[in-house]
Amino acid sequence: MFTYILQIIIFQVLFLAVYDFFLSKETFHKYNRWYLLGTPILSFVLPLIKIPTFQKAMPQEIMVLLPEVMLSPQKVIEETTYYTDGSISYVSLFFWIGVSIFTIVFLVKLFKIVQLIVQNETIKTHFYKLVLLPKRNNAFSFFNYIFLGKEIPSNKKDEIIEHELIHAKQKHSVDLLFFELLKIVMWFNPMIYFYQRRITLLHEYISDAAIIKTTQKQSYFNTLLNQTFQVENISFVNQFYKHSLIKKRIIMMTKNKSNQIRKAKYLLLLPLLASMLIYTSCVKNEETIEEIEVVNEKLPKINNLDEIKEVEIVEETVNDIPMAVIEHPPVFPGCNGTREEKIKCLNSGIRKFVVINFNGDLAKTTGLSKGKKKIWAQFRIDEKGSVEDVKVIKSPNTKLGEEVKRVIKLLPKMVPGKQRSKTVGMMYTLPISFNVE
């Protein structure tokens, strides 16, 4: 998921770079509007597209080395509550807190709009509804509602209403609400805010271009420059006057209409899209390796077996074990969270299951010499999540090897792993160590 989000942000950076350097200064406002609305959606879709032609071979099964399980031959567990990883995903919690906060902020702003409509005088016309705001000189619009301060001079009102009516007719509020929803879902992504600023300015370009067709430019410039209007602090309304945009709006209005041949600039989108598709589709041929922190579990030394009802499992960081990357690893029952948390929970669940169910007393009866012993086992989690193909590669004793096979076959059914939306089998190697005293 982190990789997917990172790709979205990178793609949006590239799309906006093309817009800022090549398209923003052109007078093709209609095309620019669709560009600013379409490229954020493309940035969400492109990482999900995998073109087989660009993809390299991926092994159908991935071998994973599990963390070592440490057993004690003195282990006795009579009553053990089975452990599953129920830890809180703080990343997910932080994400949903952000979503909740931004949703509340959005609803508060929306409530302010509704409140202005309900509490103030509204004049209904055939095309729009004019909301008159007493003791204010605001001028902004939201869908077909045009908000106008009563303090605005009468000779300026017609031009302002005509300007805001363009916003209403072209449904500019829909564009702004689209970015408001994106801000809620991806509140941590700064590119959404840049997109919203670009399209807010573009809306003004569109309305200004329509107005100066029927109004003298000089008169309209004077309206923008000589009269200072209040600004409503709501990000999804179209505001007639915003000081930071006035200079850019006047420069755009004084520009000559862009030559039609300049539309060829939009073709720059084609190689950019092709590059993105190649990037998202290609997979490294060599096995991709990531380092994950693995914990080893030890049982404390037991002095009086009769008094022990449960043995506490102590987690200790040992070292980093390389693990082949899979998009969606198998999920052990009760595990949830991010991909890394599910991997850690799977490792922990399997090891603890073995610790609980393995008959350590067998080591006493096998006549093994003193020292550390190790058993190597392999098994497969198939496409249905079942454990199969259990075998012992190496064992100091046949009975211990058979015990390991018995325990592994008892592992619960899991959610199978997925690679490119297809369930895949995964092979696991499990080392089990114990000391003979």
Foldseek 3Di string as FASTA:
>chain_A
DVVLVVQLLVQLVVLVVLCVPANLLALPLVVVLCSLQPSSVCSNCLLLDADVVLEDDDDQAFEWEFDAAEAALLDDAADDDADFDPDDFVVVVVLVVLLVVLVVVQVVLVVVVVCQVVVFDWDDDPQAIETEDEPFAWWWDAQRYTYGYPPPDPVCVVLSNQLRSLCNVVVQLVVQVVLSVVCSNPVVRCSSVVSLVSSLLSSSLVSVLVSVVPDPLVVVLCSQPVDDHDDDPDSRIRTPHDPVNSVVSNVSNPDDHDDPVSVCSVVVVVVSSVVSNSVSHYDDPDFDKDWDWAWYWDWDDDDDVVPDNHTDIDTDTDGTDITTDAPAAWAAPPFDYDRNRRVRSVSVSLSSLCRVQFNSNVVVVPPDDFFKFKWKWKWKLALFQAIDPIATPDGPDPVNRVSSSVSSNPRDRINATDHSNGGGMYMYMYMYMYGDD
